[in-house]
Each structure stands twice: as structure tokens, then as C-alpha cells.
N, C-alpha and C. Protein backbone atom coordinates (compact mmCIF):
# COMPACT_ATOMS: atom_id res chain seq x y z
N MET A 1 -78.06 -29.27 -42.14
CA MET A 1 -77.82 -28.73 -41.03
C MET A 1 -77.97 -27.39 -40.88
N SER A 2 -77.55 -26.66 -41.96
CA SER A 2 -77.48 -25.29 -41.72
C SER A 2 -78.85 -24.44 -41.74
N LEU A 3 -79.81 -25.23 -42.23
CA LEU A 3 -81.37 -24.93 -42.05
C LEU A 3 -81.81 -24.85 -40.68
N PHE A 4 -81.45 -26.13 -39.84
CA PHE A 4 -81.72 -26.19 -38.41
C PHE A 4 -80.83 -25.07 -37.64
N ARG A 5 -79.78 -24.90 -37.83
CA ARG A 5 -79.03 -23.76 -37.24
C ARG A 5 -79.80 -22.16 -37.39
N PHE A 6 -80.18 -22.23 -38.69
CA PHE A 6 -80.84 -21.02 -39.05
C PHE A 6 -82.18 -20.75 -38.25
N ALA A 7 -83.01 -21.92 -38.43
CA ALA A 7 -84.36 -21.99 -37.68
C ALA A 7 -84.22 -21.58 -36.07
N PHE A 8 -83.00 -22.63 -35.51
CA PHE A 8 -82.92 -22.17 -34.21
C PHE A 8 -82.43 -20.88 -33.78
N ALA A 9 -81.67 -20.35 -34.64
CA ALA A 9 -81.20 -18.64 -34.46
C ALA A 9 -82.54 -17.85 -34.38
N ALA A 10 -83.30 -18.08 -35.51
CA ALA A 10 -84.56 -17.25 -35.61
C ALA A 10 -85.39 -17.59 -34.37
N VAL A 11 -85.60 -18.80 -33.91
CA VAL A 11 -86.41 -18.97 -32.80
C VAL A 11 -85.84 -18.19 -31.57
N THR A 12 -84.35 -18.36 -31.20
CA THR A 12 -83.94 -17.62 -30.29
C THR A 12 -83.94 -16.25 -30.24
N LEU A 13 -83.93 -15.46 -31.49
CA LEU A 13 -84.05 -14.12 -31.60
C LEU A 13 -85.52 -13.49 -31.35
N SER A 14 -86.24 -14.37 -31.80
CA SER A 14 -87.76 -14.09 -31.47
C SER A 14 -88.07 -14.15 -29.92
N LEU A 15 -87.77 -15.07 -29.43
CA LEU A 15 -88.08 -15.14 -28.00
C LEU A 15 -87.26 -13.91 -27.17
N ALA A 16 -86.07 -13.61 -27.57
CA ALA A 16 -85.30 -12.68 -26.97
C ALA A 16 -86.00 -11.37 -27.13
N ALA A 17 -86.61 -11.08 -28.51
CA ALA A 17 -87.41 -9.87 -28.86
C ALA A 17 -88.58 -9.71 -27.90
N CYS A 18 -89.30 -11.01 -27.76
CA CYS A 18 -90.73 -10.98 -26.79
C CYS A 18 -90.13 -10.58 -25.32
N ALA A 19 -89.11 -11.18 -24.94
CA ALA A 19 -88.74 -10.76 -23.65
C ALA A 19 -88.38 -9.39 -23.43
N HIS A 20 -87.45 -8.91 -24.28
CA HIS A 20 -87.42 -7.42 -24.38
C HIS A 20 -88.79 -6.52 -24.45
N THR A 21 -89.44 -6.84 -25.23
CA THR A 21 -90.74 -6.06 -25.38
C THR A 21 -91.48 -6.36 -23.97
N SER A 22 -91.63 -7.34 -23.33
CA SER A 22 -92.35 -7.49 -22.15
C SER A 22 -91.59 -6.58 -20.88
N ASP A 23 -90.28 -6.72 -21.03
CA ASP A 23 -89.53 -5.90 -20.16
C ASP A 23 -90.07 -4.34 -20.27
N THR A 24 -89.95 -4.12 -21.47
CA THR A 24 -90.05 -2.37 -21.83
C THR A 24 -91.71 -2.14 -21.39
N PHE A 25 -92.42 -3.09 -21.63
CA PHE A 25 -93.92 -2.86 -21.38
C PHE A 25 -93.97 -2.80 -19.70
N SER A 26 -93.39 -3.51 -19.17
CA SER A 26 -93.35 -3.53 -17.60
C SER A 26 -92.79 -2.20 -17.01
N ASP A 27 -91.80 -1.95 -17.77
CA ASP A 27 -90.94 -0.82 -17.37
C ASP A 27 -91.72 0.66 -17.55
N LYS A 28 -92.44 0.50 -18.69
CA LYS A 28 -93.28 1.65 -18.80
C LYS A 28 -94.25 1.94 -17.81
N GLY A 29 -94.91 0.67 -17.41
CA GLY A 29 -95.86 0.83 -16.48
C GLY A 29 -95.38 1.05 -15.10
N GLU A 30 -94.24 0.82 -14.84
CA GLU A 30 -93.66 0.94 -13.40
C GLU A 30 -93.18 2.51 -13.53
N ALA A 31 -92.88 3.09 -14.59
CA ALA A 31 -92.50 4.49 -14.48
C ALA A 31 -93.70 5.23 -14.44
N LYS A 32 -94.93 4.98 -15.10
CA LYS A 32 -96.18 5.64 -14.97
C LYS A 32 -96.60 5.64 -13.48
N LEU A 33 -96.63 4.49 -13.03
CA LEU A 33 -96.98 4.34 -11.50
C LEU A 33 -96.14 4.95 -10.79
N ALA A 34 -94.98 5.03 -10.78
CA ALA A 34 -93.84 5.92 -10.18
C ALA A 34 -94.38 7.54 -9.98
N THR A 35 -94.74 7.79 -11.37
CA THR A 35 -95.10 9.55 -11.56
C THR A 35 -96.38 9.51 -10.72
N LEU A 36 -97.27 8.64 -10.95
CA LEU A 36 -98.62 8.76 -10.10
C LEU A 36 -98.40 8.93 -8.70
N LEU A 37 -97.63 7.98 -8.08
CA LEU A 37 -97.37 8.07 -6.66
C LEU A 37 -96.35 9.13 -6.19
N GLU A 38 -95.58 9.74 -6.87
CA GLU A 38 -94.56 10.68 -6.63
C GLU A 38 -95.10 11.68 -5.44
N GLY A 39 -94.38 11.69 -4.33
CA GLY A 39 -94.76 12.76 -3.19
C GLY A 39 -95.60 12.02 -2.03
N ARG A 40 -96.02 10.63 -2.56
CA ARG A 40 -96.83 10.09 -1.70
C ARG A 40 -96.10 9.00 -0.70
N THR A 41 -96.58 8.48 0.29
CA THR A 41 -95.97 7.56 1.25
C THR A 41 -97.01 6.35 1.51
N ALA A 42 -96.44 5.19 1.36
CA ALA A 42 -97.17 4.12 1.47
C ALA A 42 -97.48 3.77 2.90
N GLY A 43 -98.79 3.27 3.00
CA GLY A 43 -99.39 2.80 4.38
C GLY A 43 -99.43 1.27 4.54
N SER A 44 -100.27 0.98 5.26
CA SER A 44 -100.21 -0.48 5.82
C SER A 44 -101.16 -1.05 4.65
N PRO A 45 -100.81 -2.33 3.96
CA PRO A 45 -101.58 -3.02 3.04
C PRO A 45 -102.82 -3.43 3.74
N GLN A 46 -103.97 -3.32 2.91
CA GLN A 46 -105.34 -3.97 3.33
C GLN A 46 -106.04 -4.87 2.25
N SER A 47 -106.58 -5.95 2.78
CA SER A 47 -107.23 -6.97 1.87
C SER A 47 -108.22 -6.26 1.26
N CYS A 48 -109.04 -5.53 1.86
CA CYS A 48 -110.26 -5.01 1.23
C CYS A 48 -110.31 -3.39 1.46
N ILE A 49 -110.96 -2.65 0.49
CA ILE A 49 -111.30 -1.45 0.44
C ILE A 49 -112.56 -0.97 0.25
N ALA A 50 -112.99 0.26 0.65
CA ALA A 50 -114.38 0.58 0.25
C ALA A 50 -114.25 1.66 -0.88
N ALA A 51 -114.35 0.92 -2.14
CA ALA A 51 -114.43 1.25 -3.40
C ALA A 51 -115.64 1.49 -4.15
N PHE A 52 -116.31 2.59 -3.88
CA PHE A 52 -117.99 2.45 -4.11
C PHE A 52 -117.93 2.89 -5.50
N ARG A 53 -117.00 3.68 -6.32
CA ARG A 53 -117.26 3.91 -7.81
C ARG A 53 -116.24 3.12 -8.62
N ASP A 54 -116.85 2.21 -9.34
CA ASP A 54 -115.74 1.81 -10.28
C ASP A 54 -115.24 2.49 -11.32
N SER A 55 -115.93 3.38 -11.52
CA SER A 55 -115.12 4.59 -12.55
C SER A 55 -113.82 4.99 -12.03
N ARG A 56 -113.47 4.86 -10.89
CA ARG A 56 -112.28 5.24 -10.31
C ARG A 56 -111.17 4.29 -10.48
N LEU A 57 -111.48 3.06 -10.92
CA LEU A 57 -110.51 1.86 -11.01
C LEU A 57 -109.84 2.10 -12.35
N SER A 58 -108.70 2.01 -12.18
CA SER A 58 -108.03 1.98 -13.62
C SER A 58 -106.81 1.00 -13.55
N VAL A 59 -106.20 0.72 -14.45
CA VAL A 59 -105.12 -0.30 -15.07
C VAL A 59 -103.90 0.45 -15.18
N ILE A 60 -102.78 0.20 -14.68
CA ILE A 60 -101.44 0.69 -15.07
C ILE A 60 -100.86 -0.44 -15.91
N ASP A 61 -100.52 -0.25 -17.22
CA ASP A 61 -100.04 -1.49 -18.18
C ASP A 61 -99.14 -2.12 -17.28
N GLY A 62 -99.17 -3.58 -17.28
CA GLY A 62 -98.05 -4.23 -16.85
C GLY A 62 -97.49 -4.02 -15.31
N ALA A 63 -98.26 -3.55 -14.66
CA ALA A 63 -97.96 -3.12 -13.26
C ALA A 63 -98.71 -3.29 -12.12
N ALA A 64 -100.11 -2.60 -12.18
CA ALA A 64 -100.88 -2.54 -11.22
C ALA A 64 -102.50 -2.18 -11.53
N VAL A 65 -103.34 -2.43 -10.55
CA VAL A 65 -104.51 -1.89 -10.61
C VAL A 65 -104.69 -0.76 -9.46
N VAL A 66 -105.26 0.44 -9.81
CA VAL A 66 -105.07 1.67 -9.12
C VAL A 66 -106.56 2.07 -8.54
N TYR A 67 -106.93 2.53 -7.58
CA TYR A 67 -108.25 2.90 -7.15
C TYR A 67 -107.64 4.36 -6.59
N ASP A 68 -108.22 5.52 -7.28
CA ASP A 68 -107.97 6.96 -6.93
C ASP A 68 -109.17 7.26 -5.98
N GLU A 69 -108.93 7.43 -4.82
CA GLU A 69 -110.18 8.08 -4.00
C GLU A 69 -109.82 9.30 -3.70
N GLY A 70 -109.02 10.15 -4.39
CA GLY A 70 -108.78 11.27 -4.27
C GLY A 70 -107.51 11.72 -3.20
N SER A 71 -107.64 11.91 -2.14
CA SER A 71 -106.55 11.80 -1.08
C SER A 71 -105.84 10.67 -1.01
N VAL A 72 -106.24 9.55 -1.27
CA VAL A 72 -105.43 8.17 -1.10
C VAL A 72 -105.58 7.46 -2.53
N ILE A 73 -104.69 7.00 -2.91
CA ILE A 73 -104.40 6.21 -3.87
C ILE A 73 -104.02 4.86 -3.66
N TRP A 74 -104.90 3.97 -4.01
CA TRP A 74 -104.78 2.54 -3.50
C TRP A 74 -104.30 1.69 -4.56
N VAL A 75 -103.24 0.90 -4.57
CA VAL A 75 -102.46 0.13 -5.54
C VAL A 75 -102.72 -1.16 -4.99
N ALA A 76 -103.10 -1.80 -6.04
CA ALA A 76 -103.11 -3.40 -5.96
C ALA A 76 -102.21 -4.12 -7.20
N ARG A 77 -101.16 -4.93 -6.35
CA ARG A 77 -100.18 -5.54 -7.51
C ARG A 77 -100.79 -6.79 -7.72
N PRO A 78 -101.19 -7.29 -8.83
CA PRO A 78 -101.70 -8.58 -9.30
C PRO A 78 -100.35 -9.65 -9.28
N SER A 79 -100.54 -10.91 -9.12
CA SER A 79 -99.75 -11.95 -9.44
C SER A 79 -99.16 -12.09 -10.51
N ASN A 80 -99.89 -11.72 -11.75
CA ASN A 80 -99.73 -11.74 -13.06
C ASN A 80 -99.80 -10.31 -13.64
N PRO A 81 -98.98 -9.12 -13.35
CA PRO A 81 -99.03 -7.93 -13.76
C PRO A 81 -98.76 -7.81 -15.28
N GLN A 82 -98.02 -8.81 -16.06
CA GLN A 82 -97.92 -8.85 -17.50
C GLN A 82 -99.13 -8.90 -18.34
N SER A 83 -100.30 -9.28 -17.64
CA SER A 83 -101.37 -9.59 -18.36
C SER A 83 -102.44 -8.30 -18.21
N LEU A 84 -101.85 -7.03 -17.62
CA LEU A 84 -102.67 -5.89 -17.33
C LEU A 84 -102.49 -4.99 -18.69
N ARG A 85 -103.49 -4.57 -19.24
CA ARG A 85 -103.70 -3.68 -20.51
C ARG A 85 -104.52 -2.59 -19.96
N SER A 86 -104.04 -1.35 -20.32
CA SER A 86 -105.17 -0.31 -20.09
C SER A 86 -106.22 -0.19 -20.89
N ASN A 87 -106.03 -0.88 -22.28
CA ASN A 87 -107.04 -1.28 -23.21
C ASN A 87 -108.29 -2.10 -22.97
N ASP A 88 -108.05 -2.83 -21.74
CA ASP A 88 -109.02 -3.74 -21.25
C ASP A 88 -109.81 -3.20 -20.14
N ILE A 89 -111.03 -3.50 -20.16
CA ILE A 89 -112.10 -3.26 -19.22
C ILE A 89 -112.05 -4.27 -18.12
N LEU A 90 -112.11 -3.73 -16.93
CA LEU A 90 -112.28 -4.70 -15.59
C LEU A 90 -113.57 -4.85 -15.24
N ILE A 91 -113.79 -6.29 -15.13
CA ILE A 91 -115.18 -6.68 -14.66
C ILE A 91 -114.75 -7.41 -13.29
N VAL A 92 -115.27 -6.84 -12.25
CA VAL A 92 -114.95 -7.26 -11.03
C VAL A 92 -116.48 -7.96 -10.52
N GLU A 93 -116.27 -9.26 -10.04
CA GLU A 93 -117.29 -9.85 -9.13
C GLU A 93 -116.78 -9.96 -7.75
N ARG A 94 -117.59 -8.77 -7.17
CA ARG A 94 -117.35 -8.67 -5.70
C ARG A 94 -117.97 -9.71 -4.88
N THR A 95 -117.26 -9.82 -3.95
CA THR A 95 -117.78 -11.23 -2.64
C THR A 95 -118.40 -10.45 -1.57
N SER A 96 -118.12 -8.99 -1.39
CA SER A 96 -118.94 -8.23 -0.61
C SER A 96 -119.04 -6.71 -1.05
N SER A 97 -119.40 -5.91 -0.07
CA SER A 97 -119.70 -4.41 -0.54
C SER A 97 -118.38 -3.83 -0.94
N GLN A 98 -117.29 -4.26 -0.33
CA GLN A 98 -115.94 -3.74 -0.65
C GLN A 98 -115.33 -4.36 -1.84
N LEU A 99 -114.06 -3.66 -2.10
CA LEU A 99 -113.32 -4.16 -3.09
C LEU A 99 -112.23 -4.89 -2.53
N CYS A 100 -112.19 -6.28 -2.72
CA CYS A 100 -111.15 -7.24 -1.84
C CYS A 100 -110.21 -7.92 -3.07
N LYS A 101 -109.21 -8.25 -2.40
CA LYS A 101 -108.24 -9.14 -3.26
C LYS A 101 -108.78 -10.27 -3.54
N GLN A 102 -109.47 -10.98 -3.06
CA GLN A 102 -110.14 -12.28 -3.20
C GLN A 102 -111.28 -12.19 -4.20
N ASP A 103 -111.72 -10.86 -4.79
CA ASP A 103 -112.65 -10.88 -5.78
C ASP A 103 -112.16 -11.52 -7.11
N ILE A 104 -113.10 -11.66 -7.83
CA ILE A 104 -112.68 -12.36 -9.36
C ILE A 104 -112.68 -11.15 -10.20
N VAL A 105 -111.52 -10.87 -10.81
CA VAL A 105 -111.35 -9.75 -11.72
C VAL A 105 -111.04 -10.34 -13.00
N ARG A 106 -112.09 -10.13 -13.98
CA ARG A 106 -111.84 -10.56 -15.34
C ARG A 106 -111.45 -9.25 -16.13
N THR A 107 -110.68 -9.70 -17.38
CA THR A 107 -110.34 -8.62 -18.25
C THR A 107 -111.13 -8.88 -19.58
N VAL A 108 -111.79 -7.66 -20.13
CA VAL A 108 -112.50 -7.89 -21.45
C VAL A 108 -111.74 -6.72 -22.49
N ASP A 109 -111.61 -7.39 -23.66
CA ASP A 109 -111.18 -6.14 -24.64
C ASP A 109 -112.05 -4.98 -24.80
N ARG A 110 -111.53 -3.76 -24.57
CA ARG A 110 -112.56 -2.64 -24.81
C ARG A 110 -112.98 -2.43 -26.14
N THR A 111 -112.27 -2.73 -27.27
CA THR A 111 -112.74 -2.78 -28.55
C THR A 111 -113.66 -3.88 -29.00
N GLY A 112 -112.86 -5.14 -29.01
CA GLY A 112 -113.53 -6.15 -29.40
C GLY A 112 -114.62 -6.92 -28.64
N GLY A 113 -114.67 -6.64 -27.44
CA GLY A 113 -115.47 -7.09 -26.39
C GLY A 113 -115.15 -8.51 -25.90
N PHE A 114 -114.12 -9.22 -26.33
CA PHE A 114 -113.80 -10.46 -25.92
C PHE A 114 -113.00 -10.57 -24.53
N PRO A 115 -113.22 -11.87 -23.86
CA PRO A 115 -112.41 -12.07 -22.79
C PRO A 115 -110.83 -12.08 -22.96
N THR A 116 -110.11 -11.34 -22.13
CA THR A 116 -108.76 -11.29 -22.47
C THR A 116 -107.94 -12.01 -21.18
N GLY A 117 -108.53 -12.34 -20.07
CA GLY A 117 -107.92 -12.97 -19.05
C GLY A 117 -108.71 -12.73 -17.86
N VAL A 118 -107.82 -13.22 -16.51
CA VAL A 118 -108.28 -13.09 -15.17
C VAL A 118 -107.11 -12.50 -14.57
N VAL A 119 -107.54 -11.67 -13.63
CA VAL A 119 -106.32 -11.07 -12.84
C VAL A 119 -106.53 -11.41 -11.18
N PHE A 120 -105.58 -11.73 -10.63
CA PHE A 120 -105.50 -12.09 -9.32
C PHE A 120 -104.92 -11.02 -8.58
N LEU A 121 -105.74 -10.06 -7.78
CA LEU A 121 -105.03 -9.01 -7.07
C LEU A 121 -104.35 -9.37 -5.79
N GLY A 122 -103.43 -8.67 -5.37
CA GLY A 122 -102.71 -8.45 -4.12
C GLY A 122 -103.38 -7.68 -3.21
N ASP A 123 -102.74 -7.55 -1.90
CA ASP A 123 -103.30 -6.36 -1.00
C ASP A 123 -103.41 -5.10 -1.75
N PHE A 124 -104.16 -4.24 -1.17
CA PHE A 124 -104.35 -2.82 -1.42
C PHE A 124 -103.36 -2.03 -0.58
N VAL A 125 -102.53 -1.17 -1.08
CA VAL A 125 -101.46 -0.46 -0.50
C VAL A 125 -102.09 1.02 -0.55
N PRO A 126 -102.35 1.91 0.51
CA PRO A 126 -102.68 3.26 0.37
C PRO A 126 -101.38 4.16 0.20
N TYR A 127 -101.39 5.13 -0.72
CA TYR A 127 -100.41 5.91 -0.75
C TYR A 127 -101.21 7.24 -0.28
N ARG A 128 -100.63 7.98 0.47
CA ARG A 128 -101.13 9.26 0.95
C ARG A 128 -99.97 10.35 0.74
N LYS A 129 -100.48 11.54 0.33
CA LYS A 129 -99.44 12.88 0.38
C LYS A 129 -99.30 12.98 1.99
N ALA A 130 -97.88 13.63 2.08
CA ALA A 130 -97.47 13.85 3.30
C ALA A 130 -98.34 14.96 4.07
N GLY A 131 -98.82 14.63 5.22
CA GLY A 131 -99.61 15.40 6.11
C GLY A 131 -101.06 15.07 5.94
N ASN A 132 -101.52 14.11 5.09
CA ASN A 132 -102.76 13.68 4.93
C ASN A 132 -103.14 12.48 5.79
């Protein structure tokens, strides 16, 4: 019976460690996003944006997909932010000439080239500096 208790305790501690790691991962991403958006004000969410250069599209670990237009930073929070890793490459299958929340976004490991998941984007929220 003591072996069972030991195994149960080990599994419980492992799960707690994973949950803590995930929270820390998301917290770091949220902190990075907050720094990026500092001094900016959120506008009305849009389902599509005119994103012509995919090179301006980036990932904030565990938090959001960001499109930096220069004067405007567009933030799309996916339904599964924990799957976002900055070491993944985003492959966007667009349904129109714009970047839209219904576009299929797959992630691929930057180093190994293997698929790592699918991201379902939310609306794009524009963040502008005061006076812009």
C-alpha cells in the first residue's frame, strides 16, 4: 500500500509542477505583451486586418499573435494560447487577401521542421499610441 501512496504522491507533484510551469510560461508572455503595449490604447476589435508582410507577424509565448504595423500593433488572442511558442514558425493559410481570424494557422518547429499544432485566432485588437 505504501508503494501506491508513493506513486500517487509522485504523480500529484508532477502534475502540480506542470501546472506551475504552464502558469509561469503564460505569465512571462503576458508580461512581455504588456511591455510591448505600454502607452497604447486598445481600439475596436476587427475580424480581419490588412497584413501585407508576414515578416511583421510574431508570437508572444503563451499569450498572443502580434502584427506590428508600425503605428498600430494588432493583437489576436487565440483560443489556445498555451500552444504558442516563439520558437515555432506560423504558417497562415489565408482565406482572402487580408489576415483574418478564420484563417487556418499552423505552427511548425523552427529547428526540426515538424508540425507542432494549429492556432485558432480571436479578433484582432488594434493598439495605438495616444494621439495616433
